[in-house]
């Protein structure tokens, strides 16, 4: 069964545009406010929306009218694209007191969304659709991580998050989670004697680097394959770079994830 992503996107945009407020809607709001008939909107809008708009109108009638007129002129961009910009604003720092950081279309959208959040829902759906093809391409570079022994539920979740971060373009987070999954898996494999030593020496805060140091010095006692520390150290270095030196590229994240999976297969071989 073929899935055409472009068609999905077109269908989503059509569904979102159905019943979405447009240019005439914006002009009508501005005109009713201009001629002093703003209260008539009470019958046409949900109560929560009317209250939101009436408060903004009361605070700055002239700015309210100008804003809605401008919104009518900007409708070629579409409400859904504006909603995507709203999503972006939630992921960035916003300067306090910077009026340019909250444009009128964003205020209007908050009012229109009311309690339904349909515009944000459509924007998120569009974001997810546009992640599909890149995620599929990245997934083709991986194979299943087949191991001979279980580790822990936490290790499974860390590996899941690391892999999904890679799929969806969160490359720096991917490397950080790769380091976490190895930390957890190593802790689960340490003999009681070494585990007590690590717990005491590092005060319950051993990093992957600390764990690899102890493993490397006690390979026979731990029973961990000799090739494991070298591969795991590659993951540790990538994780440290992600935390301390800056954002990672897609290639760096993929390499880190591949090393992590290879290390896990060695560690959990038996």
Protein backbone atom coordinates (compact mmCIF):
# COMPACT_ATOMS: atom_id res chain seq x y z
CA UNK A 1 0.00 0.00 0.00
CA UNK A 2 1.54 3.28 -1.08
CA UNK A 3 1.22 6.33 1.15
CA UNK A 4 1.62 9.65 -0.62
CA UNK A 5 2.81 12.15 1.96
CA UNK A 6 2.10 15.12 -0.31
CA UNK A 7 -1.51 14.01 -0.59
CA UNK A 8 -1.78 13.72 3.19
CA UNK A 9 -0.51 17.27 3.54
CA UNK A 10 -2.96 18.57 0.95
CA UNK A 11 -5.84 16.77 2.64
CA UNK A 12 -4.86 18.18 6.02
CA UNK A 13 -4.73 21.72 4.63
CA UNK A 14 -8.15 21.26 3.03
CA UNK A 15 -9.62 19.94 6.26
CA UNK A 16 -8.06 22.79 8.25
CA UNK A 17 -9.28 25.44 5.83
CA UNK A 18 -12.81 24.09 6.09
CA UNK A 19 -14.60 26.52 8.35
CA UNK A 20 -11.44 28.36 9.34
CA UNK A 21 -11.85 32.13 9.72
CA UNK A 22 -10.69 34.09 6.69
CA UNK A 23 -10.29 37.55 5.23
CA UNK A 24 -14.00 38.46 5.40
CA UNK A 25 -14.15 37.34 9.01
CA UNK A 26 -11.23 39.57 9.98
CA UNK A 27 -12.62 42.57 8.10
CA UNK A 28 -16.02 42.11 9.73
CA UNK A 29 -14.48 42.13 13.21
CA UNK A 30 -12.53 45.31 12.42
CA UNK A 31 -15.53 47.09 10.90
CA UNK A 32 -17.92 46.29 13.75
CA UNK A 33 -15.31 47.59 16.18
CA UNK A 34 -14.77 50.75 14.10
CA UNK A 35 -18.45 51.73 13.96
CA UNK A 36 -19.05 51.01 17.63
CA UNK A 37 -21.09 47.83 17.18
CA UNK A 38 -18.60 45.51 18.82
CA UNK A 39 -21.19 44.10 21.31
CA UNK A 40 -23.07 42.52 18.39
CA UNK A 41 -20.25 39.96 18.19
CA UNK A 42 -21.52 38.41 21.41
CA UNK A 43 -24.22 36.57 19.46
CA UNK A 44 -21.83 35.35 16.75
CA UNK A 45 -18.87 34.14 18.80
CA UNK A 46 -18.40 31.60 21.59
CA UNK A 47 -18.54 33.30 24.99
CA UNK A 48 -14.89 32.65 25.83
CA UNK A 49 -13.78 34.11 22.47
CA UNK A 50 -15.99 37.15 22.85
CA UNK A 51 -14.62 37.84 26.32
CA UNK A 52 -11.03 37.57 25.07
CA UNK A 53 -11.66 39.93 22.13
CA UNK A 54 -13.69 42.42 24.13
CA UNK A 55 -10.89 42.71 26.69
CA UNK A 56 -8.34 43.42 23.96
CA UNK A 57 -10.70 45.93 22.35
CA UNK A 58 -11.25 47.69 25.67
CA UNK A 59 -7.51 47.98 26.32
CA UNK A 60 -6.66 49.47 22.91
CA UNK A 61 -9.60 50.09 20.52
CA UNK A 62 -7.48 51.69 17.79
CA UNK A 63 -4.79 49.03 17.94
CA UNK A 64 -7.46 46.32 17.92
CA UNK A 65 -9.00 47.66 14.69
CA UNK A 66 -5.62 48.11 13.00
CA UNK A 67 -4.57 44.62 14.02
CA UNK A 68 -7.65 42.91 12.59
CA UNK A 69 -7.39 44.88 9.34
CA UNK A 70 -3.77 43.86 9.02
CA UNK A 71 -4.76 40.29 9.74
CA UNK A 72 -7.27 40.39 6.88
CA UNK A 73 -4.51 41.54 4.54
CA UNK A 74 -2.18 38.78 5.69
CA UNK A 75 -4.64 35.95 5.15
CA UNK A 76 -2.67 34.78 2.10
CA UNK A 77 -0.28 33.22 4.61
CA UNK A 78 -3.15 31.34 6.17
CA UNK A 79 -4.08 30.71 9.75
CA UNK A 80 -2.35 27.34 9.78
CA UNK A 81 1.03 28.84 8.88
CA UNK A 82 0.50 31.40 11.62
CA UNK A 83 -0.25 28.57 14.02
CA UNK A 84 3.06 26.95 13.05
CA UNK A 85 4.79 30.20 13.96
CA UNK A 86 3.01 30.07 17.31
CA UNK A 87 4.49 26.61 17.86
CA UNK A 88 7.94 27.93 17.03
CA UNK A 89 7.54 30.76 19.52
CA UNK A 90 6.96 28.17 22.24
CA UNK A 91 10.39 26.66 21.55
CA UNK A 92 12.39 29.90 21.65
CA UNK A 93 13.30 32.48 24.27
CA UNK A 94 10.95 35.46 24.25
CA UNK A 95 12.25 38.80 25.50
CA UNK A 96 10.21 40.26 28.36
CA UNK A 97 8.49 43.49 27.40
CA UNK A 98 9.22 43.00 23.70
CA UNK A 99 5.92 43.79 22.01
CA UNK A 100 7.22 42.53 18.68
CA UNK A 101 7.46 39.08 20.25
CA UNK A 102 3.67 38.80 20.46
CA UNK A 103 2.26 39.94 17.11
CA UNK A 104 -1.42 40.67 16.76
CA UNK A 105 -2.08 37.51 14.72
CA UNK A 106 -0.80 35.45 17.65
CA UNK A 107 -3.14 37.19 20.08
CA UNK A 108 -6.03 36.72 17.67
CA UNK A 109 -5.25 33.05 17.22
CA UNK A 110 -5.28 32.47 20.95
CA UNK A 111 -8.73 33.99 21.05
CA UNK A 112 -9.98 31.99 18.07
CA UNK A 113 -8.65 28.72 19.40
CA UNK A 114 -10.60 29.21 22.61
CA UNK A 115 -10.84 25.85 24.33
CA UNK A 116 -10.72 23.74 21.13
CA UNK A 117 -7.16 24.52 19.96
CA UNK A 118 -8.08 23.41 16.44
CA UNK A 119 -5.54 25.72 14.81
CA UNK A 120 -2.69 24.43 16.94
CA UNK A 121 -3.87 20.88 16.39
CA UNK A 122 -3.71 21.37 12.63
CA UNK A 123 -0.28 23.02 12.87
CA UNK A 124 1.09 20.12 14.92
CA UNK A 125 -0.37 17.60 12.49
CA UNK A 126 1.34 19.42 9.62
CA UNK A 127 4.64 19.41 11.51
CA UNK A 128 4.36 15.66 12.10
CA UNK A 129 3.53 14.93 8.45
CA UNK A 130 6.59 16.86 7.30
CA UNK A 131 8.79 14.77 9.61
CA UNK A 132 7.71 11.47 8.07
CA UNK A 133 9.96 11.28 5.01
CA UNK A 134 13.17 12.39 6.79
CA UNK A 135 12.40 9.92 9.61
CA UNK A 136 11.85 7.11 7.13
CA UNK A 137 15.17 7.88 5.44
CA UNK A 138 17.03 7.82 8.77
CA UNK A 139 15.32 4.60 9.85
CA UNK A 140 16.69 2.84 6.76
CA UNK A 141 20.21 3.28 8.17
CA UNK A 142 19.44 1.18 11.25
CA UNK A 143 18.89 -2.47 11.97
CA UNK A 144 17.32 -4.10 15.01
CA UNK A 145 19.44 -4.13 18.15
CA UNK A 146 19.39 -7.88 18.89
CA UNK A 147 20.83 -8.88 22.30
CA UNK A 148 21.17 -12.14 24.15
CA UNK A 149 20.21 -10.88 27.62
CA UNK A 150 17.79 -8.34 29.02
CA UNK A 151 18.98 -5.15 30.71
CA UNK A 152 16.30 -3.03 32.40
CA UNK A 153 13.11 -1.18 31.63
CA UNK A 154 14.95 2.13 31.97
CA UNK A 155 17.57 1.03 29.44
CA UNK A 156 14.82 0.09 27.00
CA UNK A 157 13.20 3.50 27.39
CA UNK A 158 16.51 5.34 26.97
CA UNK A 159 17.26 3.43 23.77
CA UNK A 160 13.74 4.13 22.52
CA UNK A 161 14.13 7.87 23.17
CA UNK A 162 17.62 7.98 21.64
CA UNK A 163 16.39 6.30 18.47
CA UNK A 164 13.27 8.45 18.14
CA UNK A 165 15.34 11.59 18.69
CA UNK A 166 17.48 10.52 15.75
CA UNK A 167 14.43 9.77 13.60
CA UNK A 168 12.90 13.18 14.24
CA UNK A 169 16.01 15.30 13.89
CA UNK A 170 16.86 15.90 17.56
CA UNK A 171 20.49 14.98 17.03
CA UNK A 172 22.07 16.48 20.14
CA UNK A 173 19.40 14.92 22.36
CA UNK A 174 20.03 11.60 20.60
CA UNK A 175 23.68 11.57 21.70
CA UNK A 176 22.78 12.50 25.28
CA UNK A 177 20.28 9.63 25.46
CA UNK A 178 22.81 7.21 23.93
CA UNK A 179 25.13 7.95 26.81
CA UNK A 180 22.29 7.44 29.27
CA UNK A 181 21.35 4.02 27.89
CA UNK A 182 24.95 2.78 28.19
CA UNK A 183 25.24 4.13 31.74
CA UNK A 184 22.11 2.24 32.73
CA UNK A 185 23.10 -0.97 30.93
CA UNK A 186 26.60 -1.02 32.43
CA UNK A 187 25.26 -0.48 35.95
CA UNK A 188 22.96 -3.46 35.49
CA UNK A 189 25.87 -5.69 34.42
CA UNK A 190 28.35 -4.82 37.18
CA UNK A 191 29.05 -7.54 39.77
CA UNK A 192 27.97 -6.61 43.28
CA UNK A 193 31.54 -6.00 44.42
CA UNK A 194 32.26 -3.49 41.62
CA UNK A 195 28.81 -1.93 41.96
CA UNK A 196 29.48 -1.19 45.65
CA UNK A 197 32.88 0.27 44.80
CA UNK A 198 31.37 2.54 42.13
CA UNK A 199 28.54 3.62 44.41
CA UNK A 200 30.96 4.60 47.18
CA UNK A 201 33.70 6.11 45.04
CA UNK A 202 31.39 8.29 42.96
CA UNK A 203 28.69 8.92 45.57
CA UNK A 204 25.87 7.49 43.44
CA UNK A 205 26.73 9.90 40.62
CA UNK A 206 29.00 7.84 38.35
CA UNK A 207 29.08 9.04 34.74
CA UNK A 208 29.60 6.78 31.76
CA UNK A 209 33.25 7.82 31.76
CA UNK A 210 33.59 6.75 35.40
CA UNK A 211 31.92 3.42 34.71
CA UNK A 212 34.12 2.71 31.69
CA UNK A 213 37.22 3.46 33.77
CA UNK A 214 36.19 0.90 36.37
CA UNK A 215 35.17 -1.66 33.75
CA UNK A 216 38.45 -1.28 31.90
CA UNK A 217 40.39 -1.86 35.12
CA UNK A 218 38.32 -4.90 36.09
CA UNK A 219 37.49 -6.62 32.79
CA UNK A 220 37.96 -10.15 34.04
CA UNK A 221 35.94 -9.57 37.17
CA UNK A 222 33.07 -7.90 35.34
CA UNK A 223 32.96 -10.47 32.55
CA UNK A 224 32.35 -7.66 30.05
CA UNK A 225 33.90 -8.25 26.57
CA UNK A 226 37.27 -6.56 26.05
CA UNK A 227 36.06 -4.65 22.98
CA UNK A 228 33.20 -2.97 24.83
CA UNK A 229 35.07 -0.07 26.52
CA UNK A 230 36.58 1.17 23.25
CA UNK A 231 33.22 1.32 21.46
CA UNK A 232 31.38 2.71 24.48
CA UNK A 233 34.00 5.43 24.81
CA UNK A 234 33.02 6.71 21.36
CA UNK A 235 29.49 7.17 22.66
CA UNK A 236 30.79 8.86 25.79
CA UNK A 237 32.82 11.36 23.75
CA UNK A 238 29.86 12.19 21.52
CA UNK A 239 27.65 12.62 24.58
CA UNK A 240 30.15 14.95 26.23
CA UNK A 241 30.39 16.99 23.05
CA UNK A 242 26.60 17.25 22.92
CA UNK A 243 26.42 18.50 26.50
CA UNK A 244 29.44 20.78 26.60
CA UNK A 245 30.55 21.81 23.12
CA UNK A 246 27.51 22.43 20.95
CA UNK A 247 24.90 20.96 18.66
CA UNK A 248 25.62 17.73 16.81
CA UNK A 249 25.13 17.06 13.12
CA UNK A 250 22.95 14.29 11.73
CA UNK A 251 26.02 12.23 10.81
CA UNK A 252 27.47 12.58 14.31
CA UNK A 253 24.17 11.51 15.87
CA UNK A 254 23.84 8.50 13.58
CA UNK A 255 27.40 7.40 14.30
CA UNK A 256 26.85 7.78 18.04
CA UNK A 257 23.61 5.78 17.90
CA UNK A 258 25.25 3.02 15.86
CA UNK A 259 28.13 2.80 18.34
CA UNK A 260 25.67 2.69 21.24
CA UNK A 261 23.72 -0.17 19.68
CA UNK A 262 26.92 -2.07 18.86
CA UNK A 263 28.14 -1.59 22.43
CA UNK A 264 24.84 -2.84 23.82
CA UNK A 265 25.00 -5.95 21.69
CA UNK A 266 28.47 -6.69 23.04
CA UNK A 267 27.49 -5.93 26.62
CA UNK A 268 24.29 -8.00 26.52
CA UNK A 269 25.65 -10.83 24.41
CA UNK A 270 25.08 -13.44 27.13
